Amino acid sequence: QVQLVESGGGLVQPGGSLRLSCAASGFMIRSYAMSWYRQAPGKERELVAVIRSAGGSTMYADSVKGRFTISRDNAKNTAYLQMNSLKPEDTAVYYCNAEGWGVSYWGQGTQVTVSS
């Protein structure tokens, strides 16, 4: 059974850090582009970061450039999102996505709340 499971979300103060993990099962992420999206209340889901399967090139939304880092460990079948210098506007449910071979898999999401 194909599954993506996010973890690592929580409540953090502004300026703090969190590391999200996305553990895959039922398929191997090495052949898939891995992405993180987020959706804040009342807003559309937006792309935060992507890491390609071949070469590992990355792309970030302008709002997170220089603060967030996406990475992947194919041996552990897991993708990560390191989030530093968090701001209240980063508050959202964060979703992991795997795309490739004509399919797209989604995780269930993990809540990130940035508040003092």
PDB file of N, CA and C in Angstrom:
ATOM      1  N   GLN A   1       0.847  -1.198   0.000  1.00  0.00           N
ATOM      2  CA  GLN A   1       0.000   0.000   0.000  1.00  0.00           C
ATOM      3  C   GLN A   1       0.879   1.244   0.000  1.00  0.00           C
ATOM      4  N   VAL A   2       0.609   2.145  -0.940  1.00  0.00           N
ATOM      5  CA  VAL A   2       1.372   3.370  -1.038  1.00  0.00           C
ATOM      6  C   VAL A   2       0.961   4.326   0.074  1.00  0.00           C
ATOM      7  N   GLN A   3       1.956   4.890   0.737  1.00  0.00           N
ATOM      8  CA  GLN A   3       1.665   5.796   1.831  1.00  0.00           C
ATOM      9  C   GLN A   3       2.781   6.810   2.003  1.00  0.00           C
ATOM     10  N   LEU A   4       2.398   8.054   2.305  1.00  0.00           N
ATOM     11  CA  LEU A   4       3.315   9.105   2.708  1.00  0.00           C
ATOM     12  C   LEU A   4       2.862   9.573   4.080  1.00  0.00           C
ATOM     13  N   VAL A   5       3.780   9.577   5.037  1.00  0.00           N
ATOM     14  CA  VAL A   5       3.434   9.970   6.395  1.00  0.00           C
ATOM     15  C   VAL A   5       4.332  11.111   6.840  1.00  0.00           C
ATOM     16  N   GLU A   6       3.710  12.269   7.062  1.00  0.00           N
ATOM     17  CA  GLU A   6       4.457  13.432   7.542  1.00  0.00           C
ATOM     18  C   GLU A   6       4.534  13.418   9.068  1.00  0.00           C
ATOM     19  N   SER A   7       5.605  13.986   9.577  1.00  0.00           N
ATOM     20  CA  SER A   7       5.764  14.151  11.022  1.00  0.00           C
ATOM     21  C   SER A   7       6.673  15.347  11.275  1.00  0.00           C
ATOM     22  N   GLY A   8       6.706  15.787  12.533  1.00  0.00           N
ATOM     23  CA  GLY A   8       7.609  16.867  12.914  1.00  0.00           C
ATOM     24  C   GLY A   8       6.949  18.220  13.094  1.00  0.00           C
ATOM     25  N   GLY A   9       5.657  18.307  12.801  1.00  0.00           N
ATOM     26  CA  GLY A   9       4.967  19.569  13.000  1.00  0.00           C
ATOM     27  C   GLY A   9       4.757  19.860  14.474  1.00  0.00           C
ATOM     28  N   GLY A  10       4.262  21.062  14.751  1.00  0.00           N
ATOM     29  CA  GLY A  10       3.990  21.440  16.121  1.00  0.00           C
ATOM     30  C   GLY A  10       3.887  22.935  16.289  1.00  0.00           C
ATOM     31  N   LEU A  11       3.937  23.365  17.547  1.00  0.00           N
ATOM     32  CA  LEU A  11       3.873  24.777  17.899  1.00  0.00           C
ATOM     33  C   LEU A  11       5.284  25.293  18.159  1.00  0.00           C
ATOM     34  N   VAL A  12       5.628  26.398  17.529  1.00  0.00           N
ATOM     35  CA  VAL A  12       6.963  26.975  17.704  1.00  0.00           C
ATOM     36  C   VAL A  12       6.837  28.488  17.756  1.00  0.00           C
ATOM     37  N   GLN A  13       7.744  29.126  18.480  1.00  0.00           N
ATOM     38  CA  GLN A  13       7.733  30.579  18.570  1.00  0.00           C
ATOM     39  C   GLN A  13       8.346  31.192  17.316  1.00  0.00           C
ATOM     40  N   PRO A  14       7.967  32.413  17.001  1.00  0.00           N
ATOM     41  CA  PRO A  14       8.597  33.105  15.866  1.00  0.00           C
ATOM     42  C   PRO A  14      10.116  33.113  16.017  1.00  0.00           C
ATOM     43  N   GLY A  15      10.790  32.862  14.898  1.00  0.00           N
ATOM     44  CA  GLY A  15      12.242  32.759  14.913  1.00  0.00           C
ATOM     45  C   GLY A  15      12.764  31.363  15.175  1.00  0.00           C
ATOM     46  N   GLY A  16      11.878  30.452  15.545  1.00  0.00           N
ATOM     47  CA  GLY A  16      12.277  29.088  15.843  1.00  0.00           C
ATOM     48  C   GLY A  16      12.421  28.222  14.602  1.00  0.00           C
ATOM     49  N   SER A  17      12.699  26.949  14.843  1.00  0.00           N
ATOM     50  CA  SER A  17      12.933  25.999  13.757  1.00  0.00           C
ATOM     51  C   SER A  17      12.135  24.722  13.974  1.00  0.00           C
ATOM     52  N   LEU A  18      11.816  24.078  12.872  1.00  0.00           N
ATOM     53  CA  LEU A  18      11.210  22.755  12.875  1.00  0.00           C
ATOM     54  C   LEU A  18      11.771  21.977  11.701  1.00  0.00           C
ATOM     55  N   ARG A  19      11.795  20.660  11.843  1.00  0.00           N
ATOM     56  CA  ARG A  19      12.183  19.792  10.742  1.00  0.00           C
ATOM     57  C   ARG A  19      11.052  18.810  10.491  1.00  0.00           C
ATOM     58  N   LEU A  20      10.482  18.901   9.307  1.00  0.00           N
ATOM     59  CA  LEU A  20       9.421  17.980   8.909  1.00  0.00           C
ATOM     60  C   LEU A  20      10.028  16.784   8.181  1.00  0.00           C
ATOM     61  N   SER A  21       9.435  15.623   8.408  1.00  0.00           N
ATOM     62  CA  SER A  21       9.842  14.407   7.714  1.00  0.00           C
ATOM     63  C   SER A  21       8.660  13.845   6.943  1.00  0.00           C
ATOM     64  N   CYS A  22       8.966  13.197   5.837  1.00  0.00           N
ATOM     65  CA  CYS A  22       7.946  12.550   5.004  1.00  0.00           C
ATOM     66  C   CYS A  22       8.452  11.151   4.690  1.00  0.00           C
ATOM     67  N   ALA A  23       7.915  10.167   5.381  1.00  0.00           N
ATOM     68  CA  ALA A  23       8.341   8.782   5.201  1.00  0.00           C
ATOM     69  C   ALA A  23       7.423   8.087   4.206  1.00  0.00           C
ATOM     70  N   ALA A  24       8.026   7.504   3.179  1.00  0.00           N
ATOM     71  CA  ALA A  24       7.260   6.821   2.137  1.00  0.00           C
ATOM     72  C   ALA A  24       7.300   5.318   2.338  1.00  0.00           C
ATOM     73  N   SER A  25       6.208   4.677   1.967  1.00  0.00           N
ATOM     74  CA  SER A  25       6.149   3.217   1.968  1.00  0.00           C
ATOM     75  C   SER A  25       5.325   2.767   0.769  1.00  0.00           C
ATOM     76  N   GLY A  26       5.618   1.571   0.288  1.00  0.00           N
ATOM     77  CA  GLY A  26       4.893   1.038  -0.849  1.00  0.00           C
ATOM     78  C   GLY A  26       5.470   1.426  -2.196  1.00  0.00           C
ATOM     79  N   PHE A  27       6.457   2.310  -2.205  1.00  0.00           N
ATOM     80  CA  PHE A  27       7.165   2.693  -3.426  1.00  0.00           C
ATOM     81  C   PHE A  27       8.489   3.324  -3.010  1.00  0.00           C
ATOM     82  N   MET A  28       9.390   3.500  -3.973  1.00  0.00           N
ATOM     83  CA  MET A  28      10.703   4.065  -3.703  1.00  0.00           C
ATOM     84  C   MET A  28      10.748   5.494  -4.223  1.00  0.00           C
ATOM     85  N   ILE A  29      11.111   6.430  -3.344  1.00  0.00           N
ATOM     86  CA  ILE A  29      11.048   7.836  -3.735  1.00  0.00           C
ATOM     87  C   ILE A  29      12.154   8.238  -4.713  1.00  0.00           C
ATOM     88  N   ARG A  30      13.162   7.374  -4.916  1.00  0.00           N
ATOM     89  CA  ARG A  30      14.311   7.772  -5.727  1.00  0.00           C
ATOM     90  C   ARG A  30      13.915   8.174  -7.146  1.00  0.00           C
ATOM     91  N   SER A  31      12.791   7.658  -7.639  1.00  0.00           N
ATOM     92  CA  SER A  31      12.351   7.955  -8.999  1.00  0.00           C
ATOM     93  C   SER A  31      11.287   9.053  -9.058  1.00  0.00           C
ATOM     94  N   TYR A  32      11.046   9.699  -7.921  1.00  0.00           N
ATOM     95  CA  TYR A  32       9.973  10.678  -7.841  1.00  0.00           C
ATOM     96  C   TYR A  32      10.504  12.038  -7.417  1.00  0.00           C
ATOM     97  N   ALA A  33       9.902  13.086  -7.975  1.00  0.00           N
ATOM     98  CA  ALA A  33      10.129  14.418  -7.440  1.00  0.00           C
ATOM     99  C   ALA A  33       9.349  14.523  -6.127  1.00  0.00           C
ATOM    100  N   MET A  34      10.009  15.036  -5.115  1.00  0.00           N
ATOM    101  CA  MET A  34       9.375  15.191  -3.808  1.00  0.00           C
ATOM    102  C   MET A  34       9.139  16.673  -3.528  1.00  0.00           C
ATOM    103  N   SER A  35       7.947  16.986  -3.049  1.00  0.00           N
ATOM    104  CA  SER A  35       7.579  18.373  -2.810  1.00  0.00           C
ATOM    105  C   SER A  35       6.915  18.527  -1.451  1.00  0.00           C
ATOM    106  N   TRP A  36       6.979  19.742  -0.959  1.00  0.00           N
ATOM    107  CA  TRP A  36       6.209  20.139   0.217  1.00  0.00           C
ATOM    108  C   TRP A  36       5.279  21.266  -0.197  1.00  0.00           C
ATOM    109  N   TYR A  37       4.029  21.132   0.193  1.00  0.00           N
ATOM    110  CA  TYR A  37       3.010  22.150  -0.003  1.00  0.00           C
ATOM    111  C   TYR A  37       2.503  22.563   1.375  1.00  0.00           C
ATOM    112  N   ARG A  38       1.807  23.689   1.409  1.00  0.00           N
ATOM    113  CA  ARG A  38       1.157  24.081   2.656  1.00  0.00           C
ATOM    114  C   ARG A  38      -0.174  24.757   2.344  1.00  0.00           C
ATOM    115  N   GLN A  39      -1.061  24.680   3.317  1.00  0.00           N
ATOM    116  CA  GLN A  39      -2.365  25.311   3.178  1.00  0.00           C
ATOM    117  C   GLN A  39      -2.753  25.956   4.492  1.00  0.00           C
ATOM    118  N   ALA A  40      -2.879  27.270   4.454  1.00  0.00           N
ATOM    119  CA  ALA A  40      -3.315  28.026   5.623  1.00  0.00           C
ATOM    120  C   ALA A  40      -4.833  28.141   5.599  1.00  0.00           C
ATOM    121  N   PRO A  41      -5.455  28.366   6.761  1.00  0.00           N
ATOM    122  CA  PRO A  41      -6.916  28.490   6.814  1.00  0.00           C
ATOM    123  C   PRO A  41      -7.425  29.558   5.857  1.00  0.00           C
ATOM    124  N   GLY A  42      -8.410  29.196   5.048  1.00  0.00           N
ATOM    125  CA  GLY A  42      -9.015  30.149   4.129  1.00  0.00           C
ATOM    126  C   GLY A  42      -8.202  30.441   2.885  1.00  0.00           C
ATOM    127  N   LYS A  43      -7.081  29.736   2.728  1.00  0.00           N
ATOM    128  CA  LYS A  43      -6.223  29.979   1.561  1.00  0.00           C
ATOM    129  C   LYS A  43      -6.066  28.709   0.739  1.00  0.00           C
ATOM    130  N   GLU A  44      -5.626  28.886  -0.504  1.00  0.00           N
ATOM    131  CA  GLU A  44      -5.375  27.738  -1.365  1.00  0.00           C
ATOM    132  C   GLU A  44      -4.060  27.070  -0.985  1.00  0.00           C
ATOM    133  N   ARG A  45      -3.963  25.791  -1.328  1.00  0.00           N
ATOM    134  CA  ARG A  45      -2.717  25.073  -1.101  1.00  0.00           C
ATOM    135  C   ARG A  45      -1.647  25.657  -2.018  1.00  0.00           C
ATOM    136  N   GLU A  46      -0.460  25.874  -1.463  1.00  0.00           N
ATOM    137  CA  GLU A  46       0.621  26.453  -2.252  1.00  0.00           C
ATOM    138  C   GLU A  46       1.878  25.596  -2.166  1.00  0.00           C
ATOM    139  N   LEU A  47       2.642  25.636  -3.256  1.00  0.00           N
ATOM    140  CA  LEU A  47       3.903  24.898  -3.314  1.00  0.00           C
ATOM    141  C   LEU A  47       4.958  25.635  -2.504  1.00  0.00           C
ATOM    142  N   VAL A  48       5.647  24.905  -1.641  1.00  0.00           N
ATOM    143  CA  VAL A  48       6.693  25.490  -0.802  1.00  0.00           C
ATOM    144  C   VAL A  48       8.083  25.175  -1.365  1.00  0.00           C
ATOM    145  N   ALA A  49       8.316  23.907  -1.690  1.00  0.00           N
ATOM    146  CA  ALA A  49       9.640  23.504  -2.159  1.00  0.00           C
ATOM    147  C   ALA A  49       9.539  22.193  -2.913  1.00  0.00           C
ATOM    148  N   VAL A  50      10.466  22.011  -3.865  1.00  0.00           N
ATOM    149  CA  VAL A  50      10.543  20.799  -4.677  1.00  0.00           C
ATOM    150  C   VAL A  50      11.995  20.353  -4.748  1.00  0.00           C
ATOM    151  N   ILE A  51      12.199  19.025  -4.709  1.00  0.00           N
ATOM    152  CA  ILE A  51      13.514  18.466  -4.996  1.00  0.00           C
ATOM    153  C   ILE A  51      13.340  17.390  -6.045  1.00  0.00           C
ATOM    154  N   ARG A  52      14.069  17.523  -7.148  1.00  0.00           N
ATOM    155  CA  ARG A  52      13.926  16.620  -8.276  1.00  0.00           C
ATOM    156  C   ARG A  52      14.535  15.257  -7.966  1.00  0.00           C
ATOM    157  N   SER A  53      14.102  14.278  -8.756  1.00  0.00           N
ATOM    158  CA  SER A  53      14.607  12.929  -8.535  1.00  0.00           C
ATOM    159  C   SER A  53      16.023  12.779  -9.069  1.00  0.00           C
ATOM    160  N   ALA A  54      16.250  13.303 -10.271  1.00  0.00           N
ATOM    161  CA  ALA A  54      17.562  13.188 -10.893  1.00  0.00           C
ATOM    162  C   ALA A  54      18.373  14.444 -10.623  1.00  0.00           C
ATOM    163  N   GLY A  55      19.513  14.279  -9.999  1.00  0.00           N
ATOM    164  CA  GLY A  55      20.375  15.421  -9.740  1.00  0.00           C
ATOM    165  C   GLY A  55      20.070  16.148  -8.452  1.00  0.00           C
ATOM    166  N   GLY A  56      18.855  16.020  -7.971  1.00  0.00           N
ATOM    167  CA  GLY A  56      18.506  16.629  -6.699  1.00  0.00           C
ATOM    168  C   GLY A  56      18.387  18.136  -6.716  1.00  0.00           C
ATOM    169  N   SER A  57      18.129  18.727  -7.890  1.00  0.00           N
ATOM    170  CA  SER A  57      17.970  20.184  -7.931  1.00  0.00           C
ATOM    171  C   SER A  57      16.731  20.578  -7.138  1.00  0.00           C
ATOM    172  N   THR A  58      16.763  21.789  -6.604  1.00  0.00           N
ATOM    173  CA  THR A  58      15.688  22.257  -5.735  1.00  0.00           C
ATOM    174  C   THR A  58      15.091  23.567  -6.238  1.00  0.00           C
ATOM    175  N   MET A  59      13.886  23.830  -5.809  1.00  0.00           N
ATOM    176  CA  MET A  59      13.187  25.080  -6.107  1.00  0.00           C
ATOM    177  C   MET A  59      12.374  25.452  -4.886  1.00  0.00           C
ATOM    178  N   TYR A  60      12.315  26.758  -4.593  1.00  0.00           N
ATOM    179  CA  TYR A  60      11.604  27.236  -3.415  1.00  0.00           C
ATOM    180  C   TYR A  60      10.659  28.380  -3.773  1.00  0.00           C
ATOM    181  N   ALA A  61       9.583  28.462  -3.037  1.00  0.00           N
ATOM    182  CA  ALA A  61       8.721  29.636  -3.126  1.00  0.00           C
ATOM    183  C   ALA A  61       9.497  30.844  -2.611  1.00  0.00           C
ATOM    184  N   ASP A  62       9.232  32.000  -3.179  1.00  0.00           N
ATOM    185  CA  ASP A  62       9.954  33.210  -2.775  1.00  0.00           C
ATOM    186  C   ASP A  62       9.797  33.483  -1.279  1.00  0.00           C
ATOM    187  N   SER A  63       8.661  33.130  -0.738  1.00  0.00           N
ATOM    188  CA  SER A  63       8.367  33.435   0.661  1.00  0.00           C
ATOM    189  C   SER A  63       9.223  32.643   1.649  1.00  0.00           C
ATOM    190  N   VAL A  64       9.843  31.555   1.182  1.00  0.00           N
ATOM    191  CA  VAL A  64      10.626  30.719   2.102  1.00  0.00           C
ATOM    192  C   VAL A  64      12.095  30.635   1.718  1.00  0.00           C
ATOM    193  N   LYS A  65      12.489  31.231   0.612  1.00  0.00           N
ATOM    194  CA  LYS A  65      13.886  31.184   0.172  1.00  0.00           C
ATOM    195  C   LYS A  65      14.819  31.715   1.249  1.00  0.00           C
ATOM    196  N   GLY A  66      15.892  30.969   1.481  1.00  0.00           N
ATOM    197  CA  GLY A  66      16.867  31.376   2.479  1.00  0.00           C
ATOM    198  C   GLY A  66      16.518  30.950   3.885  1.00  0.00           C
ATOM    199  N   ARG A  67      15.295  30.449   4.089  1.00  0.00           N
ATOM    200  CA  ARG A  67      14.870  30.009   5.430  1.00  0.00           C
ATOM    201  C   ARG A  67      14.582  28.504   5.478  1.00  0.00           C
ATOM    202  N   PHE A  68      14.050  27.962   4.394  1.00  0.00           N
ATOM    203  CA  PHE A  68      13.680  26.550   4.341  1.00  0.00           C
ATOM    204  C   PHE A  68      14.660  25.793   3.447  1.00  0.00           C
ATOM    205  N   THR A  69      14.883  24.531   3.783  1.00  0.00           N
ATOM    206  CA  THR A  69      15.732  23.666   2.964  1.00  0.00           C
ATOM    207  C   THR A  69      15.054  22.315   2.798  1.00  0.00           C
ATOM    208  N   ILE A  70      14.853  21.909   1.548  1.00  0.00           N
ATOM    209  CA  ILE A  70      14.286  20.592   1.261  1.00  0.00           C
ATOM    210  C   ILE A  70      15.433  19.634   0.958  1.00  0.00           C
ATOM    211  N   SER A  71      15.281  18.394   1.407  1.00  0.00           N
ATOM    212  CA  SER A  71      16.298  17.391   1.148  1.00  0.00           C
ATOM    213  C   SER A  71      15.627  16.022   1.053  1.00  0.00           C
ATOM    214  N   ARG A  72      16.415  15.036   0.633  1.00  0.00           N
ATOM    215  CA  ARG A  72      15.885  13.688   0.516  1.00  0.00           C
ATOM    216  C   ARG A  72      16.972  12.691   0.871  1.00  0.00           C
ATOM    217  N   ASP A  73      16.561  11.590   1.457  1.00  0.00           N
ATOM    218  CA  ASP A  73      17.464  10.475   1.740  1.00  0.00           C
ATOM    219  C   ASP A  73      16.820   9.255   1.096  1.00  0.00           C
ATOM    220  N   ASN A  74      17.280   8.929  -0.111  1.00  0.00           N
ATOM    221  CA  ASN A  74      16.662   7.827  -0.846  1.00  0.00           C
ATOM    222  C   ASN A  74      16.846   6.494  -0.130  1.00  0.00           C
ATOM    223  N   ALA A  75      17.955   6.344   0.571  1.00  0.00           N
ATOM    224  CA  ALA A  75      18.208   5.097   1.293  1.00  0.00           C
ATOM    225  C   ALA A  75      17.190   4.888   2.411  1.00  0.00           C
ATOM    226  N   LYS A  76      16.759   5.999   3.024  1.00  0.00           N
ATOM    227  CA  LYS A  76      15.758   5.924   4.090  1.00  0.00           C
ATOM    228  C   LYS A  76      14.343   6.101   3.550  1.00  0.00           C
ATOM    229  N   ASN A  77      14.249   6.350   2.230  1.00  0.00           N
ATOM    230  CA  ASN A  77      12.943   6.549   1.585  1.00  0.00           C
ATOM    231  C   ASN A  77      12.151   7.673   2.247  1.00  0.00           C
ATOM    232  N   THR A  78      12.874   8.750   2.564  1.00  0.00           N
ATOM    233  CA  THR A  78      12.296   9.842   3.334  1.00  0.00           C
ATOM    234  C   THR A  78      12.738  11.192   2.757  1.00  0.00           C
ATOM    235  N   ALA A  79      11.817  12.134   2.756  1.00  0.00           N
ATOM    236  CA  ALA A  79      12.131  13.511   2.389  1.00  0.00           C
ATOM    237  C   ALA A  79      11.972  14.391   3.631  1.00  0.00           C
ATOM    238  N   TYR A  80      12.649  15.547   3.593  1.00  0.00           N
ATOM    239  CA  TYR A  80      12.659  16.420   4.753  1.00  0.00           C
ATOM    240  C   TYR A  80      12.430  17.879   4.335  1.00  0.00           C
ATOM    241  N   LEU A  81      11.965  18.660   5.301  1.00  0.00           N
ATOM    242  CA  LEU A  81      11.889  20.100   5.119  1.00  0.00           C
ATOM    243  C   LEU A  81      12.386  20.744   6.402  1.00  0.00           C
ATOM    244  N   GLN A  82      13.573  21.326   6.332  1.00  0.00           N
ATOM    245  CA  GLN A  82      14.126  22.061   7.467  1.00  0.00           C
ATOM    246  C   GLN A  82      13.621  23.498   7.383  1.00  0.00           C
ATOM    247  N   MET A  83      12.968  23.939   8.433  1.00  0.00           N
ATOM    248  CA  MET A  83      12.375  25.275   8.443  1.00  0.00           C
ATOM    249  C   MET A  83      13.013  26.099   9.558  1.00  0.00           C
ATOM    250  N   ASN A  84      13.694  27.159   9.185  1.00  0.00           N
ATOM    251  CA  ASN A  84      14.347  28.052  10.136  1.00  0.00           C
ATOM    252  C   ASN A  84      13.719  29.437  10.074  1.00  0.00           C
ATOM    253  N   SER A  85      13.995  30.236  11.087  1.00  0.00           N
ATOM    254  CA  SER A  85      13.495  31.616  11.139  1.00  0.00           C
ATOM    255  C   SER A  85      12.003  31.673  10.837  1.00  0.00           C
ATOM    256  N   LEU A  86      11.265  30.822  11.500  1.00  0.00           N
ATOM    257  CA  LEU A  86       9.836  30.717  11.219  1.00  0.00           C
ATOM    258  C   LEU A  86       9.086  31.987  11.596  1.00  0.00           C
ATOM    259  N   LYS A  87       8.071  32.271  10.799  1.00  0.00           N
ATOM    260  CA  LYS A  87       7.242  33.466  10.970  1.00  0.00           C
ATOM    261  C   LYS A  87       5.792  33.044  11.193  1.00  0.00           C
ATOM    262  N   PRO A  88       5.001  33.888  11.819  1.00  0.00           N
ATOM    263  CA  PRO A  88       3.581  33.547  11.998  1.00  0.00           C
ATOM    264  C   PRO A  88       2.885  33.220  10.678  1.00  0.00           C
ATOM    265  N   GLU A  89       3.295  33.848   9.601  1.00  0.00           N
ATOM    266  CA  GLU A  89       2.662  33.582   8.312  1.00  0.00           C
ATOM    267  C   GLU A  89       3.040  32.222   7.726  1.00  0.00           C
ATOM    268  N   ASP A  90       3.945  31.502   8.372  1.00  0.00           N
ATOM    269  CA  ASP A  90       4.260  30.138   7.964  1.00  0.00           C
ATOM    270  C   ASP A  90       3.272  29.135   8.545  1.00  0.00           C
ATOM    271  N   THR A  91       2.385  29.592   9.424  1.00  0.00           N
ATOM    272  CA  THR A  91       1.393  28.712  10.023  1.00  0.00           C
ATOM    273  C   THR A  91       0.493  28.108   8.953  1.00  0.00           C
ATOM    274  N   ALA A  92       0.413  26.782   8.934  1.00  0.00           N
ATOM    275  CA  ALA A  92      -0.362  26.074   7.912  1.00  0.00           C
ATOM    276  C   ALA A  92      -0.286  24.577   8.183  1.00  0.00           C
ATOM    277  N   VAL A  93      -1.083  23.840   7.452  1.00  0.00           N
ATOM    278  CA  VAL A  93      -0.902  22.391   7.378  1.00  0.00           C
ATOM    279  C   VAL A  93       0.063  22.134   6.227  1.00  0.00           C
ATOM    280  N   TYR A  94       1.107  21.384   6.507  1.00  0.00           N
ATOM    281  CA  TYR A  94       2.135  21.086   5.516  1.00  0.00           C
ATOM    282  C   TYR A  94       1.929  19.663   4.995  1.00  0.00           C
ATOM    283  N   TYR A  95       1.928  19.549   3.663  1.00  0.00           N
ATOM    284  CA  TYR A  95       1.686  18.274   3.000  1.00  0.00           C
ATOM    285  C   TYR A  95       2.903  17.862   2.179  1.00  0.00           C
ATOM    286  N   CYS A  96       3.174  16.584   2.195  1.00  0.00           N
ATOM    287  CA  CYS A  96       4.221  15.999   1.374  1.00  0.00           C
ATOM    288  C   CYS A  96       3.597  15.436   0.097  1.00  0.00           C
ATOM    289  N   ASN A  97       4.301  15.560  -1.008  1.00  0.00           N
ATOM    290  CA  ASN A  97       3.825  15.052  -2.295  1.00  0.00           C
ATOM    291  C   ASN A  97       4.966  14.352  -3.026  1.00  0.00           C
ATOM    292  N   ALA A  98       4.635  13.229  -3.639  1.00  0.00           N
ATOM    293  CA  ALA A  98       5.567  12.515  -4.517  1.00  0.00           C
ATOM    294  C   ALA A  98       4.943  12.448  -5.892  1.00  0.00           C
ATOM    295  N   GLU A  99       5.692  12.855  -6.917  1.00  0.00           N
ATOM    296  CA  GLU A  99       5.146  12.876  -8.280  1.00  0.00           C
ATOM    297  C   GLU A  99       6.124  12.244  -9.251  1.00  0.00           C
ATOM    298  N   GLY A 100       5.577  11.360 -10.097  1.00  0.00           N
ATOM    299  CA  GLY A 100       6.401  10.720 -11.108  1.00  0.00           C
ATOM    300  C   GLY A 100       5.657   9.556 -11.723  1.00  0.00           C
ATOM    301  N   TRP A 101       6.116   9.138 -12.916  1.00  0.00           N
ATOM    302  CA  TRP A 101       5.522   7.988 -13.588  1.00  0.00           C
ATOM    303  C   TRP A 101       4.020   8.167 -13.785  1.00  0.00           C
ATOM    304  N   GLY A 102       3.551   9.416 -13.920  1.00  0.00           N
ATOM    305  CA  GLY A 102       2.150   9.688 -14.177  1.00  0.00           C
ATOM    306  C   GLY A 102       1.256   9.608 -12.960  1.00  0.00           C
ATOM    307  N   VAL A 103       1.850   9.503 -11.783  1.00  0.00           N
ATOM    308  CA  VAL A 103       1.055   9.453 -10.564  1.00  0.00           C
ATOM    309  C   VAL A 103       1.517  10.509  -9.575  1.00  0.00           C
ATOM    310  N   SER A 104       0.633  10.803  -8.624  1.00  0.00           N
ATOM    311  CA  SER A 104       0.918  11.792  -7.595  1.00  0.00           C
ATOM    312  C   SER A 104       0.369  11.277  -6.272  1.00  0.00           C
ATOM    313  N   TYR A 105       1.245  11.196  -5.289  1.00  0.00           N
ATOM    314  CA  TYR A 105       0.837  10.705  -3.979  1.00  0.00           C
ATOM    315  C   TYR A 105       0.907  11.838  -2.966  1.00  0.00           C
ATOM    316  N   TRP A 106      -0.037  11.824  -2.022  1.00  0.00           N
ATOM    317  CA  TRP A 106      -0.111  12.861  -0.990  1.00  0.00           C
ATOM    318  C   TRP A 106      -0.117  12.235   0.397  1.00  0.00           C
ATOM    319  N   GLY A 107       0.471  12.951   1.334  1.00  0.00           N
ATOM    320  CA  GLY A 107       0.363  12.583   2.728  1.00  0.00           C
ATOM    321  C   GLY A 107      -0.858  13.233   3.348  1.00  0.00           C
ATOM    322  N   GLN A 108      -1.040  12.955   4.629  1.00  0.00           N
ATOM    323  CA  GLN A 108      -2.239  13.443   5.322  1.00  0.00           C
ATOM    324  C   GLN A 108      -2.043  14.839   5.904  1.00  0.00           C
ATOM    325  N   GLY A 109      -0.809  15.300   5.942  1.00  0.00           N
ATOM    326  CA  GLY A 109      -0.523  16.648   6.430  1.00  0.00           C
ATOM    327  C   GLY A 109      -0.104  16.679   7.887  1.00  0.00           C
ATOM    328  N   THR A 110       0.675  17.695   8.221  1.00  0.00           N
ATOM    329  CA  THR A 110       1.085  17.931   9.603  1.00  0.00           C
ATOM    330  C   THR A 110       0.959  19.423   9.898  1.00  0.00           C
ATOM    331  N   GLN A 111       0.411  19.743  11.052  1.00  0.00           N
ATOM    332  CA  GLN A 111       0.140  21.137  11.398  1.00  0.00           C
ATOM    333  C   GLN A 111       1.399  21.802  11.922  1.00  0.00           C
ATOM    334  N   VAL A 112       1.673  22.985  11.391  1.00  0.00           N
ATOM    335  CA  VAL A 112       2.746  23.836  11.893  1.00  0.00           C
ATOM    336  C   VAL A 112       2.110  25.149  12.336  1.00  0.00           C
ATOM    337  N   THR A 113       2.318  25.503  13.587  1.00  0.00           N
ATOM    338  CA  THR A 113       1.781  26.743  14.130  1.00  0.00           C
ATOM    339  C   THR A 113       2.920  27.568  14.693  1.00  0.00           C
ATOM    340  N   VAL A 114       3.052  28.795  14.190  1.00  0.00           N
ATOM    341  CA  VAL A 114       4.109  29.704  14.645  1.00  0.00           C
ATOM    342  C   VAL A 114       3.442  30.833  15.409  1.00  0.00           C
ATOM    343  N   SER A 115       3.651  30.849  16.703  1.00  0.00           N
ATOM    344  CA  SER A 115       2.969  31.821  17.554  1.00  0.00           C
ATOM    345  C   SER A 115       3.724  31.990  18.854  1.00  0.00           C
ATOM    346  N   SER A 116       3.649  33.206  19.393  1.00  0.00           N
ATOM    347  CA  SER A 116       4.255  33.466  20.693  1.00  0.00           C
ATOM    348  C   SER A 116       3.221  33.298  21.805  1.00  0.00           C
TER     349      SER A 116
END
